[in-house]
N, C-alpha and C. Protein backbone atom coordinates (compact mmCIF):
# COMPACT_ATOMS: atom_id res chain seq x y z
N MET A 1 -36.22 42.56 4.06
CA MET A 1 -35.35 41.79 4.24
C MET A 1 -34.84 41.38 5.72
N PRO A 2 -35.05 40.21 6.06
CA PRO A 2 -34.51 39.64 7.25
C PRO A 2 -32.78 39.98 7.53
N LEU A 3 -32.41 40.22 8.58
CA LEU A 3 -31.31 40.26 8.93
C LEU A 3 -30.60 38.86 9.48
N HIS A 4 -29.20 38.69 9.05
CA HIS A 4 -28.82 37.32 9.53
C HIS A 4 -27.84 37.49 10.20
N MET A 5 -26.80 36.16 10.77
CA MET A 5 -25.66 36.27 11.84
C MET A 5 -24.97 35.40 11.26
N THR A 6 -23.62 35.58 11.79
CA THR A 6 -22.70 34.47 11.47
C THR A 6 -21.98 34.01 12.76
N LYS A 7 -21.67 32.65 12.67
CA LYS A 7 -21.36 32.09 13.97
C LYS A 7 -20.01 31.03 13.80
N ILE A 8 -18.93 30.82 14.28
CA ILE A 8 -17.85 29.78 14.13
C ILE A 8 -18.31 28.83 14.55
N ALA A 9 -18.29 27.54 13.32
CA ALA A 9 -18.54 26.20 13.77
C ALA A 9 -17.53 25.66 15.10
N PHE A 10 -17.22 26.25 15.84
CA PHE A 10 -16.67 25.80 17.00
C PHE A 10 -16.40 24.42 17.02
N GLY A 11 -15.25 23.69 17.12
CA GLY A 11 -15.34 22.41 17.30
C GLY A 11 -15.53 21.47 16.20
N ALA A 12 -15.78 22.01 15.05
CA ALA A 12 -15.94 21.22 13.51
C ALA A 12 -14.80 21.37 12.86
N LYS A 13 -14.08 20.16 12.58
CA LYS A 13 -12.93 20.58 12.13
C LYS A 13 -13.26 20.29 10.07
N SER A 14 -14.19 19.80 10.08
CA SER A 14 -14.53 19.26 8.83
C SER A 14 -15.73 19.67 8.26
N TRP A 15 -16.47 19.75 7.12
CA TRP A 15 -17.82 19.48 6.61
C TRP A 15 -18.53 18.36 7.39
N LYS A 16 -17.91 17.09 7.64
CA LYS A 16 -18.69 16.21 7.80
C LYS A 16 -19.02 16.39 9.05
N ASP A 17 -18.10 16.89 10.18
CA ASP A 17 -18.57 17.65 11.60
C ASP A 17 -19.70 18.16 11.68
N LEU A 18 -19.52 19.25 11.01
CA LEU A 18 -20.56 20.18 10.95
C LEU A 18 -22.00 19.61 10.60
N ALA A 19 -22.00 19.02 9.26
CA ALA A 19 -23.17 17.95 8.97
C ALA A 19 -23.65 17.12 10.12
N GLY A 20 -22.85 16.26 10.71
CA GLY A 20 -23.06 15.62 11.80
C GLY A 20 -23.92 16.21 12.87
N TRP A 21 -23.83 17.58 13.18
CA TRP A 21 -24.59 17.90 14.43
C TRP A 21 -25.70 18.08 14.25
N TYR A 22 -26.38 18.28 12.89
CA TYR A 22 -27.52 18.18 12.04
C TYR A 22 -28.23 16.83 12.10
N LYS A 23 -27.55 15.65 11.98
CA LYS A 23 -28.38 14.23 11.73
C LYS A 23 -28.80 13.86 12.71
N ASN A 24 -30.32 13.59 12.30
CA ASN A 24 -31.24 13.00 13.08
C ASN A 24 -31.79 13.54 14.35
N ARG A 25 -31.64 15.17 13.81
CA ARG A 25 -31.87 15.90 14.94
C ARG A 25 -33.56 16.61 14.58
N SER A 26 -34.23 16.64 15.61
CA SER A 26 -35.79 17.37 14.97
C SER A 26 -35.90 18.89 15.43
N GLU A 27 -34.63 19.31 16.26
CA GLU A 27 -34.69 20.51 16.61
C GLU A 27 -32.97 20.67 16.64
N ILE A 28 -32.95 22.45 16.58
CA ILE A 28 -31.27 22.73 16.96
C ILE A 28 -31.65 24.17 17.57
N ALA A 29 -30.64 24.00 18.84
CA ALA A 29 -30.86 25.53 19.64
C ALA A 29 -29.34 25.53 20.22
N LEU A 30 -28.95 26.82 19.65
CA LEU A 30 -27.60 27.43 20.13
C LEU A 30 -27.93 28.12 21.57
N THR A 31 -27.10 27.89 22.50
CA THR A 31 -27.17 28.76 23.54
C THR A 31 -26.49 30.07 23.68
N THR A 32 -26.95 31.12 24.33
CA THR A 32 -25.78 32.15 24.14
C THR A 32 -25.91 33.16 25.40
N LYS A 33 -25.24 34.00 26.01
CA LYS A 33 -25.50 34.69 27.45
C LYS A 33 -26.50 35.81 27.13
N TYR A 34 -26.45 36.51 25.31
CA TYR A 34 -27.17 37.58 25.56
C TYR A 34 -27.68 37.76 24.36
N ARG A 35 -29.04 38.10 24.24
CA ARG A 35 -29.83 37.97 23.10
C ARG A 35 -29.34 39.28 22.27
N PRO A 36 -29.32 38.62 20.82
CA PRO A 36 -29.00 40.06 19.86
C PRO A 36 -29.95 40.93 20.09
N THR A 37 -29.22 42.23 20.12
CA THR A 37 -29.88 43.65 20.00
C THR A 37 -31.37 43.59 18.94
N ARG A 38 -30.89 42.91 17.79
CA ARG A 38 -31.86 43.09 16.80
C ARG A 38 -32.43 41.85 16.37
N HIS A 39 -32.57 40.94 17.24
CA HIS A 39 -33.20 39.72 17.19
C HIS A 39 -34.55 39.64 16.38
N GLU A 40 -35.45 40.47 16.38
CA GLU A 40 -36.67 40.66 15.93
C GLU A 40 -36.52 40.88 14.53
N GLU A 41 -35.41 41.11 13.85
CA GLU A 41 -35.32 41.35 12.28
C GLU A 41 -34.27 40.27 12.21
N MET A 42 -34.01 39.26 12.83
CA MET A 42 -33.27 38.04 12.57
C MET A 42 -34.44 37.07 12.57
N VAL A 43 -35.29 37.02 12.72
CA VAL A 43 -36.36 35.86 12.86
C VAL A 43 -36.81 35.76 11.29
N GLY A 44 -36.30 34.56 10.71
CA GLY A 44 -36.65 34.31 9.17
C GLY A 44 -35.51 34.75 8.47
N GLY A 45 -34.40 34.87 8.80
CA GLY A 45 -33.13 35.18 8.40
C GLY A 45 -32.47 33.60 8.49
N SER A 46 -30.92 33.88 8.52
CA SER A 46 -30.37 32.74 8.64
C SER A 46 -29.06 32.63 9.65
N LEU A 47 -28.81 31.46 10.17
CA LEU A 47 -27.20 31.60 10.60
C LEU A 47 -26.22 31.19 9.90
N TYR A 48 -25.22 31.82 9.66
CA TYR A 48 -24.75 31.48 8.66
C TYR A 48 -23.33 30.70 9.28
N TRP A 49 -22.68 29.45 8.97
CA TRP A 49 -21.74 28.94 9.83
C TRP A 49 -20.59 29.03 8.98
N ILE A 50 -19.34 29.31 9.78
CA ILE A 50 -17.97 29.88 9.79
C ILE A 50 -17.14 28.45 10.05
N LEU A 51 -16.45 28.02 8.69
CA LEU A 51 -15.83 26.87 8.97
C LEU A 51 -14.40 27.06 8.14
N ASN A 52 -13.28 26.79 8.77
CA ASN A 52 -12.33 27.21 8.09
C ASN A 52 -11.98 28.49 7.42
N HIS A 53 -12.41 29.53 8.18
CA HIS A 53 -12.36 30.87 8.05
C HIS A 53 -13.27 30.93 6.59
N SER A 54 -14.36 30.67 6.16
CA SER A 54 -15.38 30.63 5.28
C SER A 54 -16.65 30.58 5.68
N LEU A 55 -17.72 31.10 5.17
CA LEU A 55 -19.01 30.43 5.16
C LEU A 55 -19.30 29.58 4.28
N VAL A 56 -19.76 28.83 4.84
CA VAL A 56 -20.15 27.59 4.24
C VAL A 56 -21.73 26.79 4.11
N ALA A 57 -22.26 27.37 5.17
CA ALA A 57 -23.57 26.77 5.36
C ALA A 57 -24.57 27.76 5.94
N ARG A 58 -25.85 27.63 5.62
CA ARG A 58 -26.61 28.17 6.68
C ARG A 58 -27.66 27.64 7.31
N SER A 59 -28.47 27.88 8.46
CA SER A 59 -29.97 27.33 8.95
C SER A 59 -30.69 28.37 9.10
N GLU A 60 -32.19 28.41 9.01
CA GLU A 60 -32.79 29.42 9.24
C GLU A 60 -33.31 29.60 10.37
N ILE A 61 -33.28 30.76 11.20
CA ILE A 61 -33.57 31.10 12.44
C ILE A 61 -35.01 31.37 12.68
N LEU A 62 -35.31 30.39 13.68
CA LEU A 62 -36.77 30.33 13.93
C LEU A 62 -37.37 31.43 14.77
N SER A 63 -36.42 31.44 16.22
CA SER A 63 -36.79 32.05 17.02
C SER A 63 -36.07 32.29 18.05
N PHE A 64 -36.15 33.34 19.12
CA PHE A 64 -35.16 33.31 20.27
C PHE A 64 -36.00 33.04 21.50
N THR A 65 -35.75 32.31 22.63
CA THR A 65 -36.35 31.93 23.48
C THR A 65 -35.58 32.10 24.82
N GLU A 66 -35.82 32.44 25.73
CA GLU A 66 -35.12 32.70 27.09
C GLU A 66 -35.11 31.21 28.13
N THR A 67 -33.89 31.06 28.01
CA THR A 67 -33.80 29.72 29.14
C THR A 67 -34.21 30.15 30.49
N PRO A 68 -34.35 28.90 31.26
CA PRO A 68 -34.89 28.97 33.08
C PRO A 68 -33.63 29.62 33.85
N ASP A 69 -32.38 29.91 33.14
CA ASP A 69 -31.14 30.27 33.64
C ASP A 69 -30.85 31.70 33.07
N GLY A 70 -32.01 32.08 32.54
CA GLY A 70 -31.46 33.67 31.80
C GLY A 70 -30.77 33.98 30.80
N ARG A 71 -30.01 32.68 30.11
CA ARG A 71 -29.58 32.96 29.02
C ARG A 71 -30.58 32.59 27.60
N TRP A 72 -29.93 32.77 26.75
CA TRP A 72 -31.00 32.74 25.39
C TRP A 72 -30.67 31.49 24.24
N ASN A 73 -31.80 30.99 23.88
CA ASN A 73 -31.82 29.88 22.66
C ASN A 73 -31.94 30.33 21.51
N ILE A 74 -31.05 30.45 20.49
CA ILE A 74 -31.28 30.64 19.04
C ILE A 74 -31.98 29.11 18.49
N ASN A 75 -32.98 29.32 18.13
CA ASN A 75 -33.77 28.07 17.66
C ASN A 75 -33.69 27.94 16.07
N LEU A 76 -32.98 27.20 15.68
CA LEU A 76 -33.12 26.83 14.52
C LEU A 76 -33.38 25.89 13.66
N LYS A 77 -33.64 25.98 12.41
CA LYS A 77 -34.45 24.92 11.42
C LYS A 77 -33.56 23.71 11.37
N PRO A 78 -33.83 22.79 11.69
CA PRO A 78 -32.66 21.54 11.56
C PRO A 78 -32.50 21.03 10.33
N GLU A 79 -31.88 22.16 9.62
CA GLU A 79 -31.79 21.74 8.22
C GLU A 79 -30.38 22.86 7.68
N LEU A 80 -29.57 22.06 7.24
CA LEU A 80 -28.24 22.77 6.89
C LEU A 80 -28.24 22.96 5.25
N VAL A 81 -28.32 24.19 5.04
CA VAL A 81 -28.21 24.27 3.49
C VAL A 81 -27.01 24.79 3.10
N ARG A 82 -26.27 24.05 2.08
CA ARG A 82 -24.90 24.72 1.68
C ARG A 82 -24.96 25.88 0.78
N VAL A 83 -23.89 26.59 1.26
CA VAL A 83 -23.62 28.01 0.35
C VAL A 83 -22.46 28.15 -0.54
N HIS A 84 -22.45 28.72 -1.36
CA HIS A 84 -21.03 29.09 -2.13
C HIS A 84 -19.94 29.66 -1.06
N GLN A 85 -19.02 28.89 -0.78
CA GLN A 85 -18.01 29.60 0.15
C GLN A 85 -17.52 30.86 -0.07
N LYS A 86 -17.78 31.63 1.07
CA LYS A 86 -17.24 32.97 1.26
C LYS A 86 -16.15 33.06 2.16
N ARG A 87 -15.04 33.70 2.11
CA ARG A 87 -14.09 33.99 3.38
C ARG A 87 -14.58 34.73 4.11
N LYS A 88 -14.48 34.42 5.25
CA LYS A 88 -15.03 35.21 6.58
C LYS A 88 -13.84 35.03 7.74
N ARG A 89 -13.28 35.99 8.14
CA ARG A 89 -12.55 35.96 9.36
C ARG A 89 -13.30 35.46 10.87
N ALA A 90 -12.23 34.59 11.26
CA ALA A 90 -13.20 33.95 12.51
C ALA A 90 -13.27 35.34 13.49
N HIS A 91 -14.31 35.12 14.35
CA HIS A 91 -14.65 36.37 15.45
C HIS A 91 -15.09 35.40 16.64
N GLN A 92 -15.42 35.97 17.90
CA GLN A 92 -15.86 35.40 19.14
C GLN A 92 -17.43 35.63 18.82
N GLY A 93 -18.39 34.94 19.27
CA GLY A 93 -19.58 35.13 19.49
C GLY A 93 -20.07 34.93 17.89
N TRP A 94 -21.17 36.29 17.77
CA TRP A 94 -21.93 36.21 16.41
C TRP A 94 -21.46 37.71 15.61
N ARG A 95 -21.79 37.94 15.16
CA ARG A 95 -21.81 39.16 14.15
C ARG A 95 -23.24 39.03 13.08
N TYR A 96 -23.53 40.43 12.65
CA TYR A 96 -24.61 40.64 12.11
C TYR A 96 -24.28 40.39 10.48
N LEU A 97 -25.27 39.99 9.59
CA LEU A 97 -25.12 39.89 8.08
C LEU A 97 -26.03 40.27 7.42
N THR A 98 -25.92 41.36 6.33
CA THR A 98 -27.00 41.57 5.53
C THR A 98 -27.35 40.56 4.24
N ASP A 99 -28.22 40.76 3.76
CA ASP A 99 -28.55 40.31 2.35
C ASP A 99 -27.60 40.32 1.43
N ASP A 100 -27.13 41.41 1.18
CA ASP A 100 -26.20 42.00 0.47
C ASP A 100 -24.63 40.88 0.64
N ASN A 101 -24.51 40.96 1.72
CA ASN A 101 -23.13 40.44 2.10
C ASN A 101 -22.92 38.60 2.26
N ALA A 102 -24.33 38.06 2.07
CA ALA A 102 -24.74 36.81 2.41
C ALA A 102 -24.51 36.16 1.00
N PRO A 103 -23.65 34.82 1.26
CA PRO A 103 -23.28 34.06 0.14
C PRO A 103 -24.59 33.13 -0.51
N ALA A 104 -24.78 33.37 -1.91
CA ALA A 104 -26.24 32.41 -2.39
C ALA A 104 -25.81 30.73 -2.04
N ASP A 105 -27.09 30.28 -2.01
CA ASP A 105 -27.19 28.83 -1.56
C ASP A 105 -26.52 28.05 -2.86
N LEU A 106 -26.04 27.17 -2.91
CA LEU A 106 -25.81 26.08 -4.13
C LEU A 106 -27.19 25.33 -4.82
N ALA A 107 -27.24 25.39 -5.81
CA ALA A 107 -28.17 25.14 -6.60
C ALA A 107 -28.46 23.34 -6.17
N ASP A 108 -29.34 22.91 -6.48
CA ASP A 108 -29.95 21.48 -6.40
C ASP A 108 -28.76 20.64 -7.59
N GLY A 109 -28.18 19.55 -6.80
CA GLY A 109 -27.03 18.84 -7.39
C GLY A 109 -25.77 19.47 -7.90
N GLU A 110 -25.46 20.97 -7.35
CA GLU A 110 -24.61 21.39 -6.78
C GLU A 110 -23.85 20.88 -6.06
N ASP A 111 -22.24 20.85 -6.06
CA ASP A 111 -21.30 20.46 -5.21
C ASP A 111 -19.96 21.11 -5.26
N VAL A 112 -19.53 21.72 -3.90
CA VAL A 112 -18.28 22.44 -3.98
C VAL A 112 -17.15 21.40 -3.51
N GLY A 113 -17.65 20.00 -2.82
CA GLY A 113 -16.51 19.27 -2.25
C GLY A 113 -16.50 19.80 -1.04
N ASP A 114 -15.31 19.26 -0.34
CA ASP A 114 -14.94 20.17 1.28
C ASP A 114 -14.37 21.42 1.20
N VAL A 115 -14.71 22.24 2.12
CA VAL A 115 -14.12 23.46 2.35
C VAL A 115 -12.67 23.88 2.44
N LEU A 116 -12.48 24.63 1.64
CA LEU A 116 -10.71 24.85 1.44
C LEU A 116 -10.60 25.70 2.45
N PRO A 117 -9.03 25.48 3.31
CA PRO A 117 -8.65 26.15 4.35
C PRO A 117 -8.63 27.77 3.80
N GLY A 118 -9.06 28.70 4.73
CA GLY A 118 -9.15 30.11 4.47
C GLY A 118 -7.90 30.72 3.82
N LYS A 119 -6.98 30.10 4.31
CA LYS A 119 -5.74 31.15 3.38
C LYS A 119 -5.65 30.43 2.28
N MET A 120 -5.47 29.22 1.93
CA MET A 120 -5.83 28.80 0.28
C MET A 120 -6.55 29.51 -0.32
N ALA A 121 -7.97 29.35 0.34
CA ALA A 121 -8.87 30.03 -0.86
C ALA A 121 -8.59 31.50 -0.73
N ALA A 122 -7.81 32.30 0.11
CA ALA A 122 -7.60 33.77 -0.38
C ALA A 122 -6.30 33.66 -1.41
N LYS A 123 -5.62 33.01 -1.19
CA LYS A 123 -4.41 33.01 -2.32
C LYS A 123 -4.89 32.40 -3.72
N LEU A 124 -6.00 31.41 -3.82
CA LEU A 124 -6.64 31.01 -5.14
C LEU A 124 -7.60 32.22 -5.34
N GLU A 125 -7.79 32.74 -4.69
CA GLU A 125 -9.06 34.09 -4.94
C GLU A 125 -7.67 35.29 -5.74
N ARG A 126 -6.76 35.33 -4.92
CA ARG A 126 -6.07 36.43 -5.20
C ARG A 126 -5.66 36.33 -6.87
N LEU A 127 -5.34 34.94 -6.81
CA LEU A 127 -4.75 34.55 -8.62
C LEU A 127 -5.91 34.20 -9.44
N GLY A 128 -7.24 34.47 -9.15
CA GLY A 128 -8.47 34.81 -9.64
C GLY A 128 -8.82 33.18 -10.26
N LEU A 129 -8.50 32.30 -9.18
CA LEU A 129 -8.98 31.13 -9.78
C LEU A 129 -9.95 30.30 -8.87
N ILE A 130 -10.37 31.12 -7.98
CA ILE A 130 -11.82 31.08 -7.28
C ILE A 130 -12.80 32.37 -7.13
């Protein structure tokens, strides 16, 4: 089982913003100062995006490559896969995520609409509505 990671979609205000990052792109690379310690376990896993305090989508991690200035690129498959929304607190940088804690992909034709704000999703979850 590959290991996954989570990252905040910093700058994205909506699902439309996040999806726009992938539009008409043949490759996606996120740059980070440090390579994850467990990077070898993550190739074939996914980067899960956090938007409005919820995991909402993922992209497969293809590789990690060093840049000329000593930073690291996290190379992603240029495909954004929507997942069942799962609450996740915001954090700096990235965090590891296991298969057991990762949300399932949405089925073909399944749509959840736009992402609920985290506080609203938490209240609805406590009420047993989601």
